Amino acid sequence: MIKSDTFKFLNDLAANNNRDWFQLNKSRHDDARLNVLEFAGKVILGLSKFDHTIPSSLDPKDCVMRIYRDIRFSKVKTPYKTNFGAGFSQNGKKFSGAGYYLHIQPEASFIAGGCWMPEADLLKAIRQEIDYNGSDFRAIIEDPSFMKYYGSLESEYKLKTCPKGYDQDHPEIEFLKLKSFTFSHKLNHTELIHSGSVEQVVNGFAKLNPFIAFLRNAIA
């Protein structure tokens, strides 16, 4: 489970996002990160049981992201993230295709997965797969139990016009306009500090697995 102290650290960091405070509380960060690494390790074991592209030996350190922000090109100059994030794929957090994501933040935790803002060649491949196998795609994302848990495809990043090579009357045109293919599900504080929190996260990822598999098949 994620410890209450981990959330307390993140809350305090959000209120004191500066280097002096962080250095005085470095040991709290290290304890919180260790908690997240241990949690991620258990998630990896659960994932590996149904997604055989993810090895059970995957190192959690390759999945959990650093808390330090890159502020070189950012207008926001606070030096630290106020969350812990972990990406899960064959290569941990370093993946350009489809994978799973866990976000741990007070009042804003969630699990997610899919293919976020793929590069042009990957985006073209995903659109082609949806074009060829639209009924299979719909069967996955319109399954009642899936929709109850994840809702609809996130559509923040979407073309206003048709992508090149597709007509407005294409039956899957609204999906083909998307530039990103992701779902997310919010988690509350209680769910993550509960003794069954690892199982809950893994079960959420398991629901997402057919969608992830569809995307992987497109970009294989």
Protein backbone atom coordinates (compact mmCIF):
# COMPACT_ATOMS: atom_id res chain seq x y z
CA MET A 1 0.00 0.00 0.00
CA ILE A 2 0.97 3.65 -0.30
CA LYS A 3 1.68 4.99 3.18
CA SER A 4 -0.11 8.00 4.62
CA ASP A 5 3.34 9.50 5.26
CA THR A 6 3.99 9.44 1.50
CA PHE A 7 0.90 11.53 0.85
CA LYS A 8 1.81 13.81 3.79
CA PHE A 9 5.24 14.40 2.25
CA LEU A 10 3.71 15.28 -1.13
CA ASN A 11 1.24 17.65 0.52
CA ASP A 12 4.03 19.39 2.41
CA LEU A 13 6.19 19.55 -0.70
CA ALA A 14 3.38 21.23 -2.62
CA ALA A 15 3.26 23.92 0.08
CA ASN A 16 7.08 24.28 0.24
CA ASN A 17 8.35 23.68 -3.27
CA ASN A 18 11.86 25.03 -2.88
CA ARG A 19 15.34 23.58 -2.55
CA ASP A 20 15.99 24.67 1.02
CA TRP A 21 12.87 22.91 2.33
CA PHE A 22 13.55 19.85 0.22
CA GLN A 23 17.10 19.46 1.52
CA LEU A 24 15.84 19.65 5.10
CA ASN A 25 13.25 16.97 4.27
CA LYS A 26 15.36 14.81 1.96
CA SER A 27 15.03 11.78 4.24
CA ARG A 28 11.23 12.06 4.01
CA HIS A 29 11.48 12.05 0.23
CA ASP A 30 13.75 9.01 0.29
CA ASP A 31 11.32 7.12 2.54
CA ALA A 32 8.38 8.07 0.30
CA ARG A 33 10.23 7.06 -2.85
CA LEU A 34 11.15 3.71 -1.28
CA ASN A 35 7.47 3.17 -0.48
CA VAL A 36 6.56 3.86 -4.12
CA LEU A 37 9.34 1.60 -5.40
CA GLU A 38 8.11 -1.26 -3.22
CA PHE A 39 4.54 -0.67 -4.42
CA ALA A 40 5.69 -0.58 -8.05
CA GLY A 41 7.55 -3.85 -7.58
CA LYS A 42 4.35 -5.58 -6.49
CA VAL A 43 2.46 -4.03 -9.41
CA ILE A 44 5.11 -5.39 -11.80
CA LEU A 45 4.60 -8.91 -10.46
CA GLY A 46 0.84 -8.58 -10.92
CA LEU A 47 1.17 -7.15 -14.42
CA SER A 48 3.56 -9.88 -15.55
CA LYS A 49 0.92 -12.53 -14.85
CA PHE A 50 -1.39 -11.34 -17.64
CA ASP A 51 0.85 -9.12 -19.79
CA HIS A 52 3.72 -11.36 -20.81
CA THR A 53 5.64 -8.53 -22.47
CA ILE A 54 6.43 -7.24 -18.98
CA PRO A 55 9.05 -9.36 -17.19
CA SER A 56 8.53 -10.11 -13.52
CA SER A 57 12.20 -9.21 -13.05
CA LEU A 58 11.67 -5.63 -14.28
CA ASP A 59 13.42 -3.28 -11.85
CA PRO A 60 11.00 -0.81 -10.20
CA LYS A 61 13.76 1.81 -10.42
CA ASP A 62 13.35 1.63 -14.20
CA CYS A 63 9.65 2.44 -13.78
CA VAL A 64 9.41 5.11 -11.06
CA MET A 65 10.15 8.63 -12.29
CA ARG A 66 12.38 11.11 -10.51
CA ILE A 67 10.75 13.88 -8.53
CA TYR A 68 13.07 16.55 -9.93
CA ARG A 69 11.54 18.77 -12.62
CA ASP A 70 13.37 19.92 -15.75
CA ILE A 71 12.77 23.65 -15.57
CA ARG A 72 15.09 24.71 -18.40
CA PHE A 73 12.28 25.30 -20.89
CA SER A 74 9.36 25.62 -18.49
CA LYS A 75 7.55 28.78 -17.44
CA VAL A 76 6.88 27.12 -14.09
CA LYS A 77 10.13 27.22 -12.13
CA THR A 78 9.25 25.15 -9.08
CA PRO A 79 12.04 22.55 -8.87
CA TYR A 80 10.05 19.48 -7.81
CA LYS A 81 7.06 17.52 -8.99
CA THR A 82 4.32 17.18 -6.40
CA ASN A 83 3.56 13.60 -7.36
CA PHE A 84 5.21 10.26 -7.90
CA GLY A 85 4.72 8.67 -11.32
CA ALA A 86 5.54 5.20 -12.62
CA GLY A 87 5.42 3.88 -16.17
CA PHE A 88 5.15 0.17 -16.87
CA SER A 89 6.19 -1.49 -20.12
CA GLN A 90 8.82 -3.95 -21.27
CA ASN A 91 11.33 -1.12 -20.83
CA GLY A 92 9.79 0.44 -17.75
CA LYS A 93 9.03 4.14 -18.04
CA LYS A 94 11.05 4.53 -21.24
CA PHE A 95 8.55 3.53 -23.86
CA SER A 96 7.36 5.21 -27.03
CA GLY A 97 4.51 2.83 -27.76
CA ALA A 98 1.76 1.54 -25.48
CA GLY A 99 2.05 1.06 -21.74
CA TYR A 100 0.56 1.61 -18.31
CA TYR A 101 0.94 4.57 -15.94
CA LEU A 102 0.37 5.10 -12.20
CA HIS A 103 0.10 8.63 -10.80
CA ILE A 104 0.29 9.17 -7.03
CA GLN A 105 -0.71 12.65 -5.84
CA PRO A 106 -2.94 13.89 -3.02
CA GLU A 107 -6.48 14.36 -4.35
CA ALA A 108 -5.31 13.64 -7.92
CA SER A 109 -4.14 10.02 -8.12
CA PHE A 110 -5.07 7.89 -11.12
CA ILE A 111 -4.12 4.95 -13.29
CA ALA A 112 -3.92 5.27 -17.05
CA GLY A 113 -2.66 3.57 -20.14
CA GLY A 114 -2.44 3.59 -23.89
CA CYS A 115 -0.24 5.50 -26.29
CA TRP A 116 0.18 9.18 -25.43
CA MET A 117 0.98 11.50 -28.35
CA PRO A 118 2.75 8.90 -30.53
CA GLU A 119 5.21 10.04 -33.16
CA ALA A 120 4.03 10.29 -36.75
CA ASP A 121 4.88 6.74 -37.84
CA LEU A 122 3.26 5.18 -34.76
CA LEU A 123 0.20 7.39 -35.09
CA LYS A 124 -0.18 6.36 -38.72
CA ALA A 125 0.05 2.67 -37.75
CA ILE A 126 -2.59 3.01 -35.03
CA ARG A 127 -4.97 4.81 -37.37
CA GLN A 128 -4.45 2.10 -39.99
CA GLU A 129 -5.23 -0.62 -37.42
CA ILE A 130 -8.44 1.15 -36.43
CA ASP A 131 -9.30 1.59 -40.11
CA TYR A 132 -8.81 -2.12 -40.80
CA ASN A 133 -10.24 -3.47 -37.52
CA GLY A 134 -12.71 -0.88 -36.33
CA SER A 135 -15.19 -3.46 -35.08
CA ASP A 136 -12.53 -5.11 -32.90
CA PHE A 137 -11.49 -1.71 -31.55
CA ARG A 138 -15.07 -0.82 -30.66
CA ALA A 139 -15.66 -4.21 -29.06
CA ILE A 140 -12.84 -3.44 -26.63
CA ILE A 141 -13.54 0.19 -25.74
CA GLU A 142 -17.34 -0.09 -25.82
CA ASP A 143 -17.52 -3.16 -23.61
CA PRO A 144 -19.96 -2.20 -20.80
CA SER A 145 -17.67 -3.20 -17.93
CA PHE A 146 -14.73 -1.41 -19.54
CA MET A 147 -16.76 1.76 -20.10
CA LYS A 148 -18.08 1.68 -16.54
CA TYR A 149 -14.51 1.74 -15.22
CA TYR A 150 -12.68 3.89 -17.79
CA GLY A 151 -15.35 5.89 -19.58
CA SER A 152 -14.48 7.19 -23.04
CA LEU A 153 -11.21 7.69 -24.87
CA GLU A 154 -9.60 10.95 -23.80
CA SER A 155 -10.02 13.47 -26.60
CA GLU A 156 -7.97 16.48 -25.50
CA TYR A 157 -5.63 16.03 -28.45
CA LYS A 158 -7.74 15.76 -31.59
CA LEU A 159 -7.67 17.06 -35.15
CA LYS A 160 -10.41 19.45 -36.20
CA THR A 161 -10.29 18.08 -39.73
CA CYS A 162 -9.88 14.58 -41.17
CA PRO A 163 -6.40 13.06 -41.14
CA LYS A 164 -4.80 12.65 -44.55
CA GLY A 165 -6.15 9.66 -46.43
CA TYR A 166 -9.48 9.40 -44.59
CA ASP A 167 -12.91 10.76 -45.49
CA GLN A 168 -15.39 12.50 -43.22
CA ASP A 169 -17.91 9.68 -43.74
CA HIS A 170 -15.52 6.98 -42.46
CA PRO A 171 -17.38 5.05 -39.70
CA GLU A 172 -14.44 5.49 -37.29
CA ILE A 173 -13.55 9.06 -38.25
CA GLU A 174 -13.87 10.44 -34.71
CA PHE A 175 -11.32 7.88 -33.49
CA LEU A 176 -9.08 8.51 -36.50
CA LYS A 177 -8.95 12.21 -35.68
CA LEU A 178 -7.34 11.49 -32.34
CA LYS A 179 -3.64 12.26 -31.88
CA SER A 180 -3.42 10.39 -28.58
CA PHE A 181 -5.02 7.13 -27.44
CA THR A 182 -5.38 6.92 -23.66
CA PHE A 183 -7.81 6.05 -20.90
CA SER A 184 -7.59 6.95 -17.21
CA HIS A 185 -9.37 6.11 -13.98
CA LYS A 186 -9.20 8.26 -10.83
CA LEU A 187 -8.13 6.75 -7.53
CA ASN A 188 -8.88 8.34 -4.17
CA HIS A 189 -6.58 8.51 -1.18
CA THR A 190 -8.40 5.75 0.68
CA GLU A 191 -8.06 3.30 -2.20
CA LEU A 192 -4.28 3.64 -2.26
CA ILE A 193 -3.62 3.41 1.48
CA HIS A 194 -5.84 0.33 1.74
CA SER A 195 -4.24 -3.11 2.14
CA GLY A 196 -5.75 -4.22 -1.18
CA SER A 197 -4.41 -1.25 -3.15
CA VAL A 198 -1.89 -3.23 -5.22
CA GLU A 199 -4.59 -5.67 -6.30
CA GLN A 200 -6.88 -2.78 -7.18
CA VAL A 201 -4.26 -1.11 -9.38
CA VAL A 202 -3.35 -4.40 -11.06
CA ASN A 203 -7.02 -5.21 -11.70
CA GLY A 204 -7.46 -1.78 -13.25
CA PHE A 205 -4.52 -2.42 -15.55
CA ALA A 206 -5.93 -5.86 -16.40
CA LYS A 207 -9.12 -4.21 -17.65
CA LEU A 208 -6.96 -2.00 -19.85
CA ASN A 209 -4.86 -4.85 -21.24
CA PRO A 210 -7.01 -5.67 -24.33
CA PHE A 211 -6.76 -2.01 -25.40
CA ILE A 212 -3.00 -2.01 -24.83
CA ALA A 213 -2.71 -5.26 -26.83
CA PHE A 214 -4.66 -3.73 -29.73
CA LEU A 215 -2.29 -0.77 -29.85
CA ARG A 216 0.78 -2.99 -29.61
CA ASN A 217 -0.49 -5.11 -32.46
CA ALA A 218 -0.84 -1.95 -34.54
CA ILE A 219 2.72 -0.80 -33.94
CA ALA A 220 4.46 -4.18 -33.80
